Amino acid sequence: MSNEEVTPVAFEPLKKYHGMRVRIFLTEDGEVEGILKGYDKHLNVTIADGEMITSTQKIKFGDFVLRGAAIIAITEL
């Protein structure tokens, strides 16, 4: 991720989730849980200690970047 600062009002709600464990709902019927470490103006997010959740299992991924185009919603846990 770049070091550009995110200031648009549309991203203000994400500030309160920074450093918190969140669940992210994806466009391809999947979900991801992890600690929100950062985001940019395209809603690309950096997740720490993340895991993919399917209907039958949880798969640990560790740290990763998730592209904003794949995100439907983000909620705190």
PDB file of N, CA and C in Angstrom:
ATOM      1  N   MET A   1       0.843  -1.166   0.000  1.00  0.00           N
ATOM      2  CA  MET A   1       0.000   0.000   0.000  1.00  0.00           C
ATOM      3  C   MET A   1       0.892   1.233   0.000  1.00  0.00           C
ATOM      4  N   SER A   2       0.394   2.276  -0.601  1.00  0.00           N
ATOM      5  CA  SER A   2       1.153   3.510  -0.631  1.00  0.00           C
ATOM      6  C   SER A   2       0.979   4.254   0.684  1.00  0.00           C
ATOM      7  N   ASN A   3       1.758   5.290   0.854  1.00  0.00           N
ATOM      8  CA  ASN A   3       1.688   6.091   2.067  1.00  0.00           C
ATOM      9  C   ASN A   3       0.723   7.253   1.946  1.00  0.00           C
ATOM     10  N   GLU A   4      -0.109   7.269   0.883  1.00  0.00           N
ATOM     11  CA  GLU A   4      -1.032   8.376   0.715  1.00  0.00           C
ATOM     12  C   GLU A   4      -2.063   8.368   1.829  1.00  0.00           C
ATOM     13  N   GLU A   5      -2.429   9.555   2.271  1.00  0.00           N
ATOM     14  CA  GLU A   5      -3.384   9.682   3.369  1.00  0.00           C
ATOM     15  C   GLU A   5      -4.808   9.628   2.848  1.00  0.00           C
ATOM     16  N   VAL A   6      -5.668   8.943   3.576  1.00  0.00           N
ATOM     17  CA  VAL A   6      -7.067   8.819   3.186  1.00  0.00           C
ATOM     18  C   VAL A   6      -7.865   9.851   3.970  1.00  0.00           C
ATOM     19  N   THR A   7      -8.513  10.786   3.263  1.00  0.00           N
ATOM     20  CA  THR A   7      -9.285  11.807   3.955  1.00  0.00           C
ATOM     21  C   THR A   7     -10.742  11.924   3.521  1.00  0.00           C
ATOM     22  N   PRO A   8     -11.171  11.293   2.411  1.00  0.00           N
ATOM     23  CA  PRO A   8     -12.568  11.474   2.004  1.00  0.00           C
ATOM     24  C   PRO A   8     -13.544  11.039   3.092  1.00  0.00           C
ATOM     25  N   VAL A   9     -14.654  11.743   3.195  1.00  0.00           N
ATOM     26  CA  VAL A   9     -15.666  11.452   4.201  1.00  0.00           C
ATOM     27  C   VAL A   9     -16.179  10.027   4.081  1.00  0.00           C
ATOM     28  N   ALA A  10     -16.240   9.485   2.873  1.00  0.00           N
ATOM     29  CA  ALA A  10     -16.751   8.134   2.667  1.00  0.00           C
ATOM     30  C   ALA A  10     -15.950   7.087   3.437  1.00  0.00           C
ATOM     31  N   PHE A  11     -14.696   7.374   3.772  1.00  0.00           N
ATOM     32  CA  PHE A  11     -13.854   6.396   4.455  1.00  0.00           C
ATOM     33  C   PHE A  11     -13.785   6.627   5.960  1.00  0.00           C
ATOM     34  N   GLU A  12     -14.395   7.689   6.450  1.00  0.00           N
ATOM     35  CA  GLU A  12     -14.350   7.977   7.879  1.00  0.00           C
ATOM     36  C   GLU A  12     -14.837   6.815   8.751  1.00  0.00           C
ATOM     37  N   PRO A  13     -15.907   6.104   8.385  1.00  0.00           N
ATOM     38  CA  PRO A  13     -16.350   4.990   9.245  1.00  0.00           C
ATOM     39  C   PRO A  13     -15.295   3.894   9.426  1.00  0.00           C
ATOM     40  N   LEU A  14     -14.404   3.718   8.472  1.00  0.00           N
ATOM     41  CA  LEU A  14     -13.383   2.682   8.603  1.00  0.00           C
ATOM     42  C   LEU A  14     -12.343   3.027   9.657  1.00  0.00           C
ATOM     43  N   LYS A  15     -12.145   4.300   9.948  1.00  0.00           N
ATOM     44  CA  LYS A  15     -11.152   4.699  10.951  1.00  0.00           C
ATOM     45  C   LYS A  15     -11.410   4.035  12.297  1.00  0.00           C
ATOM     46  N   LYS A  16     -12.681   3.906  12.666  1.00  0.00           N
ATOM     47  CA  LYS A  16     -12.989   3.321  13.977  1.00  0.00           C
ATOM     48  C   LYS A  16     -12.673   1.831  14.040  1.00  0.00           C
ATOM     49  N   TYR A  17     -12.540   1.170  12.880  1.00  0.00           N
ATOM     50  CA  TYR A  17     -12.222  -0.259  12.851  1.00  0.00           C
ATOM     51  C   TYR A  17     -10.729  -0.533  12.807  1.00  0.00           C
ATOM     52  N   HIS A  18      -9.914   0.506  12.622  1.00  0.00           N
ATOM     53  CA  HIS A  18      -8.461   0.306  12.510  1.00  0.00           C
ATOM     54  C   HIS A  18      -7.931  -0.370  13.772  1.00  0.00           C
ATOM     55  N   GLY A  19      -7.236  -1.476  13.596  1.00  0.00           N
ATOM     56  CA  GLY A  19      -6.679  -2.231  14.715  1.00  0.00           C
ATOM     57  C   GLY A  19      -7.666  -3.202  15.350  1.00  0.00           C
ATOM     58  N   MET A  20      -8.891  -3.233  14.856  1.00  0.00           N
ATOM     59  CA  MET A  20      -9.911  -4.127  15.403  1.00  0.00           C
ATOM     60  C   MET A  20     -10.091  -5.352  14.516  1.00  0.00           C
ATOM     61  N   ARG A  21     -10.631  -6.409  15.095  1.00  0.00           N
ATOM     62  CA  ARG A  21     -10.964  -7.604  14.329  1.00  0.00           C
ATOM     63  C   ARG A  21     -12.269  -7.335  13.572  1.00  0.00           C
ATOM     64  N   VAL A  22     -12.248  -7.592  12.267  1.00  0.00           N
ATOM     65  CA  VAL A  22     -13.404  -7.330  11.408  1.00  0.00           C
ATOM     66  C   VAL A  22     -13.746  -8.562  10.583  1.00  0.00           C
ATOM     67  N   ARG A  23     -14.968  -8.579  10.079  1.00  0.00           N
ATOM     68  CA  ARG A  23     -15.387  -9.580   9.101  1.00  0.00           C
ATOM     69  C   ARG A  23     -15.668  -8.837   7.808  1.00  0.00           C
ATOM     70  N   ILE A  24     -15.132  -9.346   6.698  1.00  0.00           N
ATOM     71  CA  ILE A  24     -15.305  -8.739   5.387  1.00  0.00           C
ATOM     72  C   ILE A  24     -16.066  -9.711   4.502  1.00  0.00           C
ATOM     73  N   PHE A  25     -17.163  -9.239   3.950  1.00  0.00           N
ATOM     74  CA  PHE A  25     -17.980 -10.049   3.055  1.00  0.00           C
ATOM     75  C   PHE A  25     -17.523  -9.780   1.623  1.00  0.00           C
ATOM     76  N   LEU A  26     -17.281 -10.858   0.871  1.00  0.00           N
ATOM     77  CA  LEU A  26     -16.696 -10.753  -0.458  1.00  0.00           C
ATOM     78  C   LEU A  26     -17.723 -10.972  -1.565  1.00  0.00           C
ATOM     79  N   THR A  27     -17.400 -10.491  -2.753  1.00  0.00           N
ATOM     80  CA  THR A  27     -18.301 -10.613  -3.902  1.00  0.00           C
ATOM     81  C   THR A  27     -18.476 -12.052  -4.353  1.00  0.00           C
ATOM     82  N   GLU A  28     -17.540 -12.911  -4.072  1.00  0.00           N
ATOM     83  CA  GLU A  28     -17.598 -14.315  -4.519  1.00  0.00           C
ATOM     84  C   GLU A  28     -18.097 -15.246  -3.415  1.00  0.00           C
ATOM     85  N   ASP A  29     -19.079 -14.804  -2.645  1.00  0.00           N
ATOM     86  CA  ASP A  29     -19.708 -15.630  -1.602  1.00  0.00           C
ATOM     87  C   ASP A  29     -18.762 -16.114  -0.518  1.00  0.00           C
ATOM     88  N   GLY A  30     -17.695 -15.407  -0.280  1.00  0.00           N
ATOM     89  CA  GLY A  30     -16.778 -15.772   0.786  1.00  0.00           C
ATOM     90  C   GLY A  30     -16.760 -14.704   1.860  1.00  0.00           C
ATOM     91  N   GLU A  31     -16.094 -15.021   2.969  1.00  0.00           N
ATOM     92  CA  GLU A  31     -15.910 -14.072   4.058  1.00  0.00           C
ATOM     93  C   GLU A  31     -14.485 -14.197   4.559  1.00  0.00           C
ATOM     94  N   VAL A  32     -13.961 -13.088   5.044  1.00  0.00           N
ATOM     95  CA  VAL A  32     -12.624 -13.037   5.609  1.00  0.00           C
ATOM     96  C   VAL A  32     -12.731 -12.381   6.974  1.00  0.00           C
ATOM     97  N   GLU A  33     -11.998 -12.906   7.947  1.00  0.00           N
ATOM     98  CA  GLU A  33     -11.897 -12.272   9.263  1.00  0.00           C
ATOM     99  C   GLU A  33     -10.444 -11.960   9.526  1.00  0.00           C
ATOM    100  N   GLY A  34     -10.197 -10.864  10.228  1.00  0.00           N
ATOM    101  CA  GLY A  34      -8.841 -10.503  10.593  1.00  0.00           C
ATOM    102  C   GLY A  34      -8.805  -9.112  11.196  1.00  0.00           C
ATOM    103  N   ILE A  35      -7.603  -8.649  11.511  1.00  0.00           N
ATOM    104  CA  ILE A  35      -7.405  -7.335  12.106  1.00  0.00           C
ATOM    105  C   ILE A  35      -7.137  -6.333  10.997  1.00  0.00           C
ATOM    106  N   LEU A  36      -7.954  -5.293  10.925  1.00  0.00           N
ATOM    107  CA  LEU A  36      -7.798  -4.264   9.902  1.00  0.00           C
ATOM    108  C   LEU A  36      -6.586  -3.403  10.238  1.00  0.00           C
ATOM    109  N   LYS A  37      -5.565  -3.474   9.389  1.00  0.00           N
ATOM    110  CA  LYS A  37      -4.333  -2.721   9.629  1.00  0.00           C
ATOM    111  C   LYS A  37      -4.239  -1.454   8.796  1.00  0.00           C
ATOM    112  N   GLY A  38      -4.955  -1.414   7.667  1.00  0.00           N
ATOM    113  CA  GLY A  38      -4.909  -0.221   6.837  1.00  0.00           C
ATOM    114  C   GLY A  38      -5.821  -0.342   5.636  1.00  0.00           C
ATOM    115  N   TYR A  39      -5.994   0.784   4.931  1.00  0.00           N
ATOM    116  CA  TYR A  39      -6.831   0.818   3.733  1.00  0.00           C
ATOM    117  C   TYR A  39      -6.447   2.043   2.919  1.00  0.00           C
ATOM    118  N   ASP A  40      -6.872   2.063   1.659  1.00  0.00           N
ATOM    119  CA  ASP A  40      -6.593   3.213   0.808  1.00  0.00           C
ATOM    120  C   ASP A  40      -7.877   3.716   0.153  1.00  0.00           C
ATOM    121  N   LYS A  41      -7.734   4.691  -0.745  1.00  0.00           N
ATOM    122  CA  LYS A  41      -8.915   5.311  -1.356  1.00  0.00           C
ATOM    123  C   LYS A  41      -9.690   4.370  -2.263  1.00  0.00           C
ATOM    124  N   HIS A  42      -9.080   3.246  -2.650  1.00  0.00           N
ATOM    125  CA  HIS A  42      -9.753   2.259  -3.494  1.00  0.00           C
ATOM    126  C   HIS A  42     -10.401   1.159  -2.660  1.00  0.00           C
ATOM    127  N   LEU A  43     -10.345   1.310  -1.342  1.00  0.00           N
ATOM    128  CA  LEU A  43     -10.856   0.346  -0.374  1.00  0.00           C
ATOM    129  C   LEU A  43     -10.070  -0.970  -0.377  1.00  0.00           C
ATOM    130  N   ASN A  44      -8.848  -0.949  -0.915  1.00  0.00           N
ATOM    131  CA  ASN A  44      -7.942  -2.077  -0.721  1.00  0.00           C
ATOM    132  C   ASN A  44      -7.613  -2.088   0.764  1.00  0.00           C
ATOM    133  N   VAL A  45      -7.650  -3.242   1.393  1.00  0.00           N
ATOM    134  CA  VAL A  45      -7.407  -3.311   2.836  1.00  0.00           C
ATOM    135  C   VAL A  45      -6.255  -4.254   3.136  1.00  0.00           C
ATOM    136  N   THR A  46      -5.542  -3.932   4.203  1.00  0.00           N
ATOM    137  CA  THR A  46      -4.489  -4.789   4.720  1.00  0.00           C
ATOM    138  C   THR A  46      -5.038  -5.469   5.963  1.00  0.00           C
ATOM    139  N   ILE A  47      -4.954  -6.795   5.984  1.00  0.00           N
ATOM    140  CA  ILE A  47      -5.491  -7.592   7.088  1.00  0.00           C
ATOM    141  C   ILE A  47      -4.346  -8.364   7.744  1.00  0.00           C
ATOM    142  N   ALA A  48      -4.319  -8.367   9.065  1.00  0.00           N
ATOM    143  CA  ALA A  48      -3.349  -9.150   9.823  1.00  0.00           C
ATOM    144  C   ALA A  48      -4.076 -10.314  10.488  1.00  0.00           C
ATOM    145  N   ASP A  49      -3.374 -11.419  10.650  1.00  0.00           N
ATOM    146  CA  ASP A  49      -3.922 -12.599  11.330  1.00  0.00           C
ATOM    147  C   ASP A  49      -5.262 -13.003  10.711  1.00  0.00           C
ATOM    148  N   GLY A  50      -5.303 -13.030   9.379  1.00  0.00           N
ATOM    149  CA  GLY A  50      -6.555 -13.256   8.668  1.00  0.00           C
ATOM    150  C   GLY A  50      -6.856 -14.711   8.384  1.00  0.00           C
ATOM    151  N   GLU A  51      -8.127 -14.967   8.187  1.00  0.00           N
ATOM    152  CA  GLU A  51      -8.571 -16.301   7.800  1.00  0.00           C
ATOM    153  C   GLU A  51      -9.779 -16.201   6.884  1.00  0.00           C
ATOM    154  N   MET A  52      -9.852 -17.105   5.911  1.00  0.00           N
ATOM    155  CA  MET A  52     -10.977 -17.204   4.975  1.00  0.00           C
ATOM    156  C   MET A  52     -11.987 -18.148   5.592  1.00  0.00           C
ATOM    157  N   ILE A  53     -13.256 -17.756   5.530  1.00  0.00           N
ATOM    158  CA  ILE A  53     -14.320 -18.562   6.122  1.00  0.00           C
ATOM    159  C   ILE A  53     -15.224 -19.066   5.007  1.00  0.00           C
ATOM    160  N   THR A  54     -15.396 -20.370   4.953  1.00  0.00           N
ATOM    161  CA  THR A  54     -16.333 -20.980   4.019  1.00  0.00           C
ATOM    162  C   THR A  54     -17.430 -21.657   4.838  1.00  0.00           C
ATOM    163  N   SER A  55     -18.369 -22.257   4.174  1.00  0.00           N
ATOM    164  CA  SER A  55     -19.458 -22.918   4.898  1.00  0.00           C
ATOM    165  C   SER A  55     -18.982 -24.132   5.686  1.00  0.00           C
ATOM    166  N   THR A  56     -17.815 -24.666   5.351  1.00  0.00           N
ATOM    167  CA  THR A  56     -17.342 -25.879   6.019  1.00  0.00           C
ATOM    168  C   THR A  56     -16.041 -25.736   6.791  1.00  0.00           C
ATOM    169  N   GLN A  57     -15.290 -24.645   6.571  1.00  0.00           N
ATOM    170  CA  GLN A  57     -13.991 -24.548   7.236  1.00  0.00           C
ATOM    171  C   GLN A  57     -13.482 -23.118   7.335  1.00  0.00           C
ATOM    172  N   LYS A  58     -12.435 -22.948   8.175  1.00  0.00           N
ATOM    173  CA  LYS A  58     -11.696 -21.695   8.272  1.00  0.00           C
ATOM    174  C   LYS A  58     -10.269 -21.983   7.841  1.00  0.00           C
ATOM    175  N   ILE A  59      -9.753 -21.186   6.922  1.00  0.00           N
ATOM    176  CA  ILE A  59      -8.395 -21.371   6.404  1.00  0.00           C
ATOM    177  C   ILE A  59      -7.569 -20.165   6.811  1.00  0.00           C
ATOM    178  N   LYS A  60      -6.525 -20.378   7.605  1.00  0.00           N
ATOM    179  CA  LYS A  60      -5.670 -19.285   8.068  1.00  0.00           C
ATOM    180  C   LYS A  60      -4.740 -18.830   6.946  1.00  0.00           C
ATOM    181  N   PHE A  61      -4.677 -17.497   6.754  1.00  0.00           N
ATOM    182  CA  PHE A  61      -3.808 -16.906   5.745  1.00  0.00           C
ATOM    183  C   PHE A  61      -2.717 -16.041   6.344  1.00  0.00           C
ATOM    184  N   GLY A  62      -2.830 -15.616   7.572  1.00  0.00           N
ATOM    185  CA  GLY A  62      -1.862 -14.697   8.152  1.00  0.00           C
ATOM    186  C   GLY A  62      -2.137 -13.281   7.666  1.00  0.00           C
ATOM    187  N   ASP A  63      -1.090 -12.571   7.231  1.00  0.00           N
ATOM    188  CA  ASP A  63      -1.229 -11.192   6.768  1.00  0.00           C
ATOM    189  C   ASP A  63      -1.406 -11.163   5.251  1.00  0.00           C
ATOM    190  N   PHE A  64      -2.311 -10.305   4.763  1.00  0.00           N
ATOM    191  CA  PHE A  64      -2.522 -10.201   3.321  1.00  0.00           C
ATOM    192  C   PHE A  64      -3.224  -8.897   2.971  1.00  0.00           C
ATOM    193  N   VAL A  65      -3.219  -8.585   1.689  1.00  0.00           N
ATOM    194  CA  VAL A  65      -3.930  -7.422   1.153  1.00  0.00           C
ATOM    195  C   VAL A  65      -5.117  -7.933   0.365  1.00  0.00           C
ATOM    196  N   LEU A  66      -6.263  -7.315   0.567  1.00  0.00           N
ATOM    197  CA  LEU A  66      -7.490  -7.695  -0.123  1.00  0.00           C
ATOM    198  C   LEU A  66      -7.911  -6.534  -1.014  1.00  0.00           C
ATOM    199  N   ARG A  67      -8.142  -6.810  -2.268  1.00  0.00           N
ATOM    200  CA  ARG A  67      -8.506  -5.769  -3.228  1.00  0.00           C
ATOM    201  C   ARG A  67      -9.916  -5.242  -2.967  1.00  0.00           C
ATOM    202  N   GLY A  68     -10.064  -3.938  -3.014  1.00  0.00           N
ATOM    203  CA  GLY A  68     -11.338  -3.292  -2.722  1.00  0.00           C
ATOM    204  C   GLY A  68     -12.485  -3.740  -3.607  1.00  0.00           C
ATOM    205  N   ALA A  69     -12.207  -4.060  -4.867  1.00  0.00           N
ATOM    206  CA  ALA A  69     -13.259  -4.487  -5.797  1.00  0.00           C
ATOM    207  C   ALA A  69     -13.908  -5.800  -5.360  1.00  0.00           C
ATOM    208  N   ALA A  70     -13.248  -6.572  -4.501  1.00  0.00           N
ATOM    209  CA  ALA A  70     -13.781  -7.852  -4.042  1.00  0.00           C
ATOM    210  C   ALA A  70     -14.627  -7.715  -2.774  1.00  0.00           C
ATOM    211  N   ILE A  71     -14.725  -6.500  -2.217  1.00  0.00           N
ATOM    212  CA  ILE A  71     -15.387  -6.296  -0.930  1.00  0.00           C
ATOM    213  C   ILE A  71     -16.818  -5.785  -1.118  1.00  0.00           C
ATOM    214  N   ILE A  72     -17.741  -6.434  -0.396  1.00  0.00           N
ATOM    215  CA  ILE A  72     -19.128  -5.971  -0.365  1.00  0.00           C
ATOM    216  C   ILE A  72     -19.383  -5.148   0.892  1.00  0.00           C
ATOM    217  N   ALA A  73     -18.942  -5.672   2.058  1.00  0.00           N
ATOM    218  CA  ALA A  73     -19.207  -4.997   3.325  1.00  0.00           C
ATOM    219  C   ALA A  73     -18.140  -5.356   4.340  1.00  0.00           C
ATOM    220  N   ILE A  74     -17.955  -4.473   5.320  1.00  0.00           N
ATOM    221  CA  ILE A  74     -17.028  -4.704   6.430  1.00  0.00           C
ATOM    222  C   ILE A  74     -17.778  -4.429   7.718  1.00  0.00           C
ATOM    223  N   THR A  75     -17.652  -5.344   8.685  1.00  0.00           N
ATOM    224  CA  THR A  75     -18.305  -5.160   9.978  1.00  0.00           C
ATOM    225  C   THR A  75     -17.347  -5.565  11.098  1.00  0.00           C
ATOM    226  N   GLU A  76     -17.507  -4.962  12.264  1.00  0.00           N
ATOM    227  CA  GLU A  76     -16.653  -5.326  13.387  1.00  0.00           C
ATOM    228  C   GLU A  76     -17.155  -6.615  14.039  1.00  0.00           C
ATOM    229  N   LEU A  77     -16.253  -7.307  14.682  1.00  0.00           N
ATOM    230  CA  LEU A  77     -16.626  -8.532  15.404  1.00  0.00           C
ATOM    231  C   LEU A  77     -16.645  -8.273  16.889  1.00  0.00           C
TER     232      LEU A  77
END
